[in-house]
Amino acid sequence: GWKVTEQYNSRYMLKGNLLMGDVSLTIVN
């Protein structure tokens, strides 16, 4: 809820403001 605790692939990231409830997924490249 506050930060990413597990990330299985560096190409998948959460760039939104987690504290505002924006948990949109960004797929890089």
PDB file of all heavy atoms in Angstrom:
ATOM      1  N   GLY A   1       0.816  -1.215   0.000  1.00  0.00           N
ATOM      2  CA  GLY A   1       0.000   0.000   0.000  1.00  0.00           C
ATOM      3  C   GLY A   1       0.846   1.260   0.000  1.00  0.00           C
ATOM      4  O   GLY A   1       0.436   2.287  -0.503  1.00  0.00           O
ATOM      5  N   TRP A   2       2.036   1.166   0.576  1.00  0.00           N
ATOM      6  CA  TRP A   2       2.923   2.330   0.689  1.00  0.00           C
ATOM      7  C   TRP A   2       4.053   2.258  -0.315  1.00  0.00           C
ATOM      8  O   TRP A   2       4.511   3.272  -0.826  1.00  0.00           O
ATOM      9  CB  TRP A   2       3.498   2.419   2.109  1.00  0.00           C
ATOM     10  CG  TRP A   2       2.426   2.482   3.149  1.00  0.00           C
ATOM     11  CD1 TRP A   2       1.774   1.416   3.718  1.00  0.00           C
ATOM     12  CD2 TRP A   2       1.840   3.655   3.737  1.00  0.00           C
ATOM     13  NE1 TRP A   2       0.832   1.867   4.614  1.00  0.00           N
ATOM     14  CE2 TRP A   2       0.850   3.223   4.653  1.00  0.00           C
ATOM     15  CE3 TRP A   2       2.082   5.027   3.573  1.00  0.00           C
ATOM     16  CZ2 TRP A   2       0.093   4.127   5.401  1.00  0.00           C
ATOM     17  CZ3 TRP A   2       1.324   5.913   4.323  1.00  0.00           C
ATOM     18  CH2 TRP A   2       0.341   5.469   5.222  1.00  0.00           C
ATOM     19  N   LYS A   3       4.517   1.027  -0.568  1.00  0.00           N
ATOM     20  CA  LYS A   3       5.642   0.863  -1.492  1.00  0.00           C
ATOM     21  C   LYS A   3       5.566  -0.531  -2.105  1.00  0.00           C
ATOM     22  O   LYS A   3       4.875  -1.416  -1.588  1.00  0.00           O
ATOM     23  CB  LYS A   3       6.970   1.060  -0.760  1.00  0.00           C
ATOM     24  CG  LYS A   3       7.212   0.017   0.321  1.00  0.00           C
ATOM     25  CD  LYS A   3       8.495   0.288   1.091  1.00  0.00           C
ATOM     26  CE  LYS A   3       8.763  -0.816   2.124  1.00  0.00           C
ATOM     27  NZ  LYS A   3       7.647  -1.048   3.052  1.00  0.00           N
ATOM     28  N   VAL A   4       6.286  -0.707  -3.204  1.00  0.00           N
ATOM     29  CA  VAL A   4       6.366  -2.022  -3.835  1.00  0.00           C
ATOM     30  C   VAL A   4       7.227  -2.918  -2.950  1.00  0.00           C
ATOM     31  O   VAL A   4       8.348  -2.559  -2.598  1.00  0.00           O
ATOM     32  CB  VAL A   4       6.969  -1.904  -5.248  1.00  0.00           C
ATOM     33  CG1 VAL A   4       7.237  -3.279  -5.846  1.00  0.00           C
ATOM     34  CG2 VAL A   4       6.027  -1.117  -6.156  1.00  0.00           C
ATOM     35  N   THR A   5       6.687  -4.069  -2.555  1.00  0.00           N
ATOM     36  CA  THR A   5       7.424  -4.981  -1.675  1.00  0.00           C
ATOM     37  C   THR A   5       8.017  -6.153  -2.449  1.00  0.00           C
ATOM     38  O   THR A   5       9.015  -6.715  -2.044  1.00  0.00           O
ATOM     39  CB  THR A   5       6.509  -5.513  -0.566  1.00  0.00           C
ATOM     40  OG1 THR A   5       5.310  -6.027  -1.170  1.00  0.00           O
ATOM     41  CG2 THR A   5       6.150  -4.413   0.407  1.00  0.00           C
ATOM     42  N   GLU A   6       7.380  -6.545  -3.547  1.00  0.00           N
ATOM     43  CA  GLU A   6       7.922  -7.615  -4.382  1.00  0.00           C
ATOM     44  C   GLU A   6       7.756  -7.222  -5.834  1.00  0.00           C
ATOM     45  O   GLU A   6       6.700  -6.737  -6.236  1.00  0.00           O
ATOM     46  CB  GLU A   6       7.175  -8.940  -4.136  1.00  0.00           C
ATOM     47  CG  GLU A   6       7.428  -9.560  -2.779  1.00  0.00           C
ATOM     48  CD  GLU A   6       6.599 -10.824  -2.581  1.00  0.00           C
ATOM     49  OE1 GLU A   6       6.620 -11.690  -3.471  1.00  0.00           O
ATOM     50  OE2 GLU A   6       5.927 -10.924  -1.547  1.00  0.00           O
ATOM     51  N   GLN A   7       8.803  -7.425  -6.602  1.00  0.00           N
ATOM     52  CA  GLN A   7       8.767  -7.094  -8.023  1.00  0.00           C
ATOM     53  C   GLN A   7       9.485  -8.222  -8.741  1.00  0.00           C
ATOM     54  O   GLN A   7      10.654  -8.491  -8.476  1.00  0.00           O
ATOM     55  CB  GLN A   7       9.475  -5.758  -8.252  1.00  0.00           C
ATOM     56  CG  GLN A   7       9.358  -5.240  -9.667  1.00  0.00           C
ATOM     57  CD  GLN A   7      10.030  -3.873  -9.815  1.00  0.00           C
ATOM     58  OE1 GLN A   7      10.821  -3.484  -8.969  1.00  0.00           O
ATOM     59  NE2 GLN A   7       9.718  -3.164 -10.876  1.00  0.00           N
ATOM     60  N   TYR A   8       8.755  -8.919  -9.604  1.00  0.00           N
ATOM     61  CA  TYR A   8       9.296 -10.131 -10.199  1.00  0.00           C
ATOM     62  C   TYR A   8      10.001  -9.877 -11.523  1.00  0.00           C
ATOM     63  O   TYR A   8      10.640 -10.757 -12.057  1.00  0.00           O
ATOM     64  CB  TYR A   8       8.169 -11.158 -10.381  1.00  0.00           C
ATOM     65  CG  TYR A   8       7.645 -11.656  -9.056  1.00  0.00           C
ATOM     66  CD1 TYR A   8       6.669 -10.951  -8.362  1.00  0.00           C
ATOM     67  CD2 TYR A   8       8.155 -12.815  -8.478  1.00  0.00           C
ATOM     68  CE1 TYR A   8       6.211 -11.395  -7.137  1.00  0.00           C
ATOM     69  CE2 TYR A   8       7.694 -13.262  -7.251  1.00  0.00           C
ATOM     70  CZ  TYR A   8       6.721 -12.553  -6.584  1.00  0.00           C
ATOM     71  OH  TYR A   8       6.260 -12.981  -5.367  1.00  0.00           O
ATOM     72  N   ASN A   9       9.859  -8.683 -12.050  1.00  0.00           N
ATOM     73  CA  ASN A   9      10.487  -8.361 -13.329  1.00  0.00           C
ATOM     74  C   ASN A   9      10.629  -6.845 -13.388  1.00  0.00           C
ATOM     75  O   ASN A   9       9.658  -6.125 -13.173  1.00  0.00           O
ATOM     76  CB  ASN A   9       9.604  -8.870 -14.475  1.00  0.00           C
ATOM     77  CG  ASN A   9      10.241  -8.685 -15.839  1.00  0.00           C
ATOM     78  OD1 ASN A   9      10.949  -7.712 -16.092  1.00  0.00           O
ATOM     79  ND2 ASN A   9       9.986  -9.622 -16.736  1.00  0.00           N
ATOM     80  N   SER A  10      11.846  -6.374 -13.677  1.00  0.00           N
ATOM     81  CA  SER A  10      12.074  -4.927 -13.633  1.00  0.00           C
ATOM     82  C   SER A  10      11.306  -4.182 -14.720  1.00  0.00           C
ATOM     83  O   SER A  10      11.189  -2.968 -14.678  1.00  0.00           O
ATOM     84  CB  SER A  10      13.578  -4.644 -13.769  1.00  0.00           C
ATOM     85  OG  SER A  10      14.055  -5.219 -14.972  1.00  0.00           O
ATOM     86  N   ARG A  11      10.755  -4.909 -15.700  1.00  0.00           N
ATOM     87  CA  ARG A  11       9.980  -4.237 -16.750  1.00  0.00           C
ATOM     88  C   ARG A  11       8.573  -3.884 -16.292  1.00  0.00           C
ATOM     89  O   ARG A  11       7.871  -3.151 -16.971  1.00  0.00           O
ATOM     90  CB  ARG A  11       9.905  -5.119 -17.999  1.00  0.00           C
ATOM     91  CG  ARG A  11      11.241  -5.230 -18.735  1.00  0.00           C
ATOM     92  CD  ARG A  11      11.153  -6.143 -19.937  1.00  0.00           C
ATOM     93  NE  ARG A  11       9.968  -5.895 -20.713  1.00  0.00           N
ATOM     94  CZ  ARG A  11       8.944  -6.756 -20.823  1.00  0.00           C
ATOM     95  NH1 ARG A  11       8.971  -7.915 -20.207  1.00  0.00           N
ATOM     96  NH2 ARG A  11       7.909  -6.460 -21.563  1.00  0.00           N
ATOM     97  N   TYR A  12       8.159  -4.434 -15.162  1.00  0.00           N
ATOM     98  CA  TYR A  12       6.831  -4.116 -14.623  1.00  0.00           C
ATOM     99  C   TYR A  12       7.011  -3.193 -13.431  1.00  0.00           C
ATOM    100  O   TYR A  12       7.690  -3.543 -12.473  1.00  0.00           O
ATOM    101  CB  TYR A  12       6.117  -5.389 -14.167  1.00  0.00           C
ATOM    102  CG  TYR A  12       5.857  -6.394 -15.249  1.00  0.00           C
ATOM    103  CD1 TYR A  12       6.405  -7.665 -15.205  1.00  0.00           C
ATOM    104  CD2 TYR A  12       5.035  -6.069 -16.326  1.00  0.00           C
ATOM    105  CE1 TYR A  12       6.153  -8.604 -16.199  1.00  0.00           C
ATOM    106  CE2 TYR A  12       4.776  -6.991 -17.321  1.00  0.00           C
ATOM    107  CZ  TYR A  12       5.340  -8.256 -17.256  1.00  0.00           C
ATOM    108  OH  TYR A  12       5.083  -9.170 -18.240  1.00  0.00           O
ATOM    109  N   MET A  13       6.409  -2.021 -13.483  1.00  0.00           N
ATOM    110  CA  MET A  13       6.556  -1.100 -12.361  1.00  0.00           C
ATOM    111  C   MET A  13       5.283  -0.309 -12.109  1.00  0.00           C
ATOM    112  O   MET A  13       4.419  -0.202 -12.986  1.00  0.00           O
ATOM    113  CB  MET A  13       7.749  -0.171 -12.568  1.00  0.00           C
ATOM    114  CG  MET A  13       7.795   0.524 -13.912  1.00  0.00           C
ATOM    115  SD  MET A  13       9.322   1.486 -14.119  1.00  0.00           S
ATOM    116  CE  MET A  13      10.566   0.225 -14.062  1.00  0.00           C
ATOM    117  N   LEU A  14       5.182   0.220 -10.897  1.00  0.00           N
ATOM    118  CA  LEU A  14       4.061   1.088 -10.529  1.00  0.00           C
ATOM    119  C   LEU A  14       4.606   2.500 -10.454  1.00  0.00           C
ATOM    120  O   LEU A  14       5.420   2.805  -9.591  1.00  0.00           O
ATOM    121  CB  LEU A  14       3.470   0.660  -9.176  1.00  0.00           C
ATOM    122  CG  LEU A  14       2.975  -0.781  -9.100  1.00  0.00           C
ATOM    123  CD1 LEU A  14       2.331  -1.041  -7.740  1.00  0.00           C
ATOM    124  CD2 LEU A  14       1.987  -1.099 -10.201  1.00  0.00           C
ATOM    125  N   LYS A  15       4.155   3.332 -11.389  1.00  0.00           N
ATOM    126  CA  LYS A  15       4.691   4.689 -11.448  1.00  0.00           C
ATOM    127  C   LYS A  15       3.726   5.700 -10.847  1.00  0.00           C
ATOM    128  O   LYS A  15       4.058   6.867 -10.684  1.00  0.00           O
ATOM    129  CB  LYS A  15       4.977   5.077 -12.902  1.00  0.00           C
ATOM    130  CG  LYS A  15       6.164   4.331 -13.501  1.00  0.00           C
ATOM    131  CD  LYS A  15       6.454   4.842 -14.905  1.00  0.00           C
ATOM    132  CE  LYS A  15       7.838   4.433 -15.386  1.00  0.00           C
ATOM    133  NZ  LYS A  15       8.114   4.966 -16.723  1.00  0.00           N
ATOM    134  N   GLY A  16       2.513   5.252 -10.539  1.00  0.00           N
ATOM    135  CA  GLY A  16       1.508   6.169  -9.998  1.00  0.00           C
ATOM    136  C   GLY A  16       1.764   6.467  -8.531  1.00  0.00           C
ATOM    137  O   GLY A  16       2.660   5.904  -7.898  1.00  0.00           O
ATOM    138  N   ASN A  17       0.941   7.341  -7.961  1.00  0.00           N
ATOM    139  CA  ASN A  17       1.041   7.693  -6.545  1.00  0.00           C
ATOM    140  C   ASN A  17       0.264   6.657  -5.737  1.00  0.00           C
ATOM    141  O   ASN A  17      -0.966   6.710  -5.661  1.00  0.00           O
ATOM    142  CB  ASN A  17       0.483   9.101  -6.327  1.00  0.00           C
ATOM    143  CG  ASN A  17       0.689   9.570  -4.897  1.00  0.00           C
ATOM    144  OD1 ASN A  17       0.844   8.774  -3.973  1.00  0.00           O
ATOM    145  ND2 ASN A  17       0.676  10.873  -4.705  1.00  0.00           N
ATOM    146  N   LEU A  18       0.992   5.693  -5.157  1.00  0.00           N
ATOM    147  CA  LEU A  18       0.333   4.611  -4.424  1.00  0.00           C
ATOM    148  C   LEU A  18      -0.545   5.146  -3.294  1.00  0.00           C
ATOM    149  O   LEU A  18      -1.616   4.606  -3.020  1.00  0.00           O
ATOM    150  CB  LEU A  18       1.379   3.655  -3.833  1.00  0.00           C
ATOM    151  CG  LEU A  18       2.305   2.937  -4.820  1.00  0.00           C
ATOM    152  CD1 LEU A  18       3.241   2.006  -4.058  1.00  0.00           C
ATOM    153  CD2 LEU A  18       1.521   2.165  -5.854  1.00  0.00           C
ATOM    154  N   LEU A  19      -0.088   6.209  -2.620  1.00  0.00           N
ATOM    155  CA  LEU A  19      -0.818   6.726  -1.465  1.00  0.00           C
ATOM    156  C   LEU A  19      -2.133   7.376  -1.870  1.00  0.00           C
ATOM    157  O   LEU A  19      -2.988   7.631  -1.033  1.00  0.00           O
ATOM    158  CB  LEU A  19       0.053   7.723  -0.696  1.00  0.00           C
ATOM    159  CG  LEU A  19       1.434   7.196  -0.270  1.00  0.00           C
ATOM    160  CD1 LEU A  19       2.176   8.224   0.565  1.00  0.00           C
ATOM    161  CD2 LEU A  19       1.308   5.878   0.477  1.00  0.00           C
ATOM    162  N   MET A  20      -2.300   7.643  -3.161  1.00  0.00           N
ATOM    163  CA  MET A  20      -3.563   8.184  -3.665  1.00  0.00           C
ATOM    164  C   MET A  20      -4.411   7.084  -4.303  1.00  0.00           C
ATOM    165  O   MET A  20      -5.424   7.369  -4.932  1.00  0.00           O
ATOM    166  CB  MET A  20      -3.304   9.293  -4.699  1.00  0.00           C
ATOM    167  CG  MET A  20      -2.493  10.460  -4.171  1.00  0.00           C
ATOM    168  SD  MET A  20      -3.320  11.338  -2.823  1.00  0.00           S
ATOM    169  CE  MET A  20      -4.636  12.139  -3.735  1.00  0.00           C
ATOM    170  N   GLY A  21      -3.963   5.848  -4.179  1.00  0.00           N
ATOM    171  CA  GLY A  21      -4.744   4.742  -4.727  1.00  0.00           C
ATOM    172  C   GLY A  21      -4.507   4.488  -6.200  1.00  0.00           C
ATOM    173  O   GLY A  21      -5.257   3.743  -6.829  1.00  0.00           O
ATOM    174  N   ASP A  22      -3.455   5.110  -6.767  1.00  0.00           N
ATOM    175  CA  ASP A  22      -3.136   4.865  -8.175  1.00  0.00           C
ATOM    176  C   ASP A  22      -2.148   3.702  -8.239  1.00  0.00           C
ATOM    177  O   ASP A  22      -0.968   3.859  -7.962  1.00  0.00           O
ATOM    178  CB  ASP A  22      -2.528   6.113  -8.819  1.00  0.00           C
ATOM    179  CG  ASP A  22      -2.186   5.892 -10.295  1.00  0.00           C
ATOM    180  OD1 ASP A  22      -2.313   4.747 -10.780  1.00  0.00           O
ATOM    181  OD2 ASP A  22      -1.787   6.866 -10.964  1.00  0.00           O
ATOM    182  N   VAL A  23      -2.686   2.524  -8.562  1.00  0.00           N
ATOM    183  CA  VAL A  23      -1.848   1.319  -8.616  1.00  0.00           C
ATOM    184  C   VAL A  23      -1.758   0.814 -10.055  1.00  0.00           C
ATOM    185  O   VAL A  23      -1.634  -0.381 -10.302  1.00  0.00           O
ATOM    186  CB  VAL A  23      -2.394   0.232  -7.660  1.00  0.00           C
ATOM    187  CG1 VAL A  23      -2.157   0.640  -6.216  1.00  0.00           C
ATOM    188  CG2 VAL A  23      -3.881  -0.024  -7.899  1.00  0.00           C
ATOM    189  N   SER A  24      -1.828   1.753 -11.001  1.00  0.00           N
ATOM    190  CA  SER A  24      -1.735   1.386 -12.417  1.00  0.00           C
ATOM    191  C   SER A  24      -0.380   0.740 -12.708  1.00  0.00           C
ATOM    192  O   SER A  24       0.644   1.156 -12.166  1.00  0.00           O
ATOM    193  CB  SER A  24      -1.919   2.627 -13.295  1.00  0.00           C
ATOM    194  OG  SER A  24      -3.179   3.211 -13.036  1.00  0.00           O
ATOM    195  N   LEU A  25      -0.414  -0.259 -13.566  1.00  0.00           N
ATOM    196  CA  LEU A  25       0.798  -1.018 -13.901  1.00  0.00           C
ATOM    197  C   LEU A  25       1.413  -0.459 -15.177  1.00  0.00           C
ATOM    198  O   LEU A  25       0.722  -0.284 -16.181  1.00  0.00           O
ATOM    199  CB  LEU A  25       0.438  -2.488 -14.124  1.00  0.00           C
ATOM    200  CG  LEU A  25       1.567  -3.399 -14.589  1.00  0.00           C
ATOM    201  CD1 LEU A  25       2.538  -3.663 -13.450  1.00  0.00           C
ATOM    202  CD2 LEU A  25       1.003  -4.724 -15.111  1.00  0.00           C
ATOM    203  N   THR A  26       2.702  -0.161 -15.141  1.00  0.00           N
ATOM    204  CA  THR A  26       3.414   0.254 -16.345  1.00  0.00           C
ATOM    205  C   THR A  26       4.296  -0.899 -16.815  1.00  0.00           C
ATOM    206  O   THR A  26       5.077  -1.450 -16.036  1.00  0.00           O
ATOM    207  CB  THR A  26       4.271   1.506 -16.094  1.00  0.00           C
ATOM    208  OG1 THR A  26       3.409   2.577 -15.708  1.00  0.00           O
ATOM    209  CG2 THR A  26       5.037   1.912 -17.349  1.00  0.00           C
ATOM    210  N   ILE A  27       4.116  -1.283 -18.076  1.00  0.00           N
ATOM    211  CA  ILE A  27       4.955  -2.304 -18.700  1.00  0.00           C
ATOM    212  C   ILE A  27       5.954  -1.561 -19.575  1.00  0.00           C
ATOM    213  O   ILE A  27       5.564  -0.876 -20.522  1.00  0.00           O
ATOM    214  CB  ILE A  27       4.117  -3.272 -19.555  1.00  0.00           C
ATOM    215  CG1 ILE A  27       3.001  -3.899 -18.718  1.00  0.00           C
ATOM    216  CG2 ILE A  27       5.004  -4.342 -20.190  1.00  0.00           C
ATOM    217  CD1 ILE A  27       1.980  -4.693 -19.544  1.00  0.00           C
ATOM    218  N   VAL A  28       7.226  -1.673 -19.225  1.00  0.00           N
ATOM    219  CA  VAL A  28       8.267  -0.932 -19.933  1.00  0.00           C
ATOM    220  C   VAL A  28       8.734  -1.753 -21.129  1.00  0.00           C
ATOM    221  O   VAL A  28       8.949  -2.958 -21.017  1.00  0.00           O
ATOM    222  CB  VAL A  28       9.447  -0.632 -18.985  1.00  0.00           C
ATOM    223  CG1 VAL A  28      10.566   0.086 -19.720  1.00  0.00           C
ATOM    224  CG2 VAL A  28       8.966   0.191 -17.802  1.00  0.00           C
ATOM    225  N   ASN A  29       8.856  -1.073 -22.276  1.00  0.00           N
ATOM    226  CA  ASN A  29       9.412  -1.722 -23.466  1.00  0.00           C
ATOM    227  C   ASN A  29       8.634  -3.007 -23.786  1.00  0.00           C
ATOM    228  O   ASN A  29       9.182  -4.110 -23.788  1.00  0.00           O
ATOM    229  CB  ASN A  29      10.899  -2.016 -23.236  1.00  0.00           C
ATOM    230  CG  ASN A  29      11.610  -2.358 -24.536  1.00  0.00           C
ATOM    231  OD1 ASN A  29      11.070  -2.169 -25.625  1.00  0.00           O
ATOM    232  ND2 ASN A  29      12.813  -2.881 -24.432  1.00  0.00           N
TER     233      ASN A  29
END
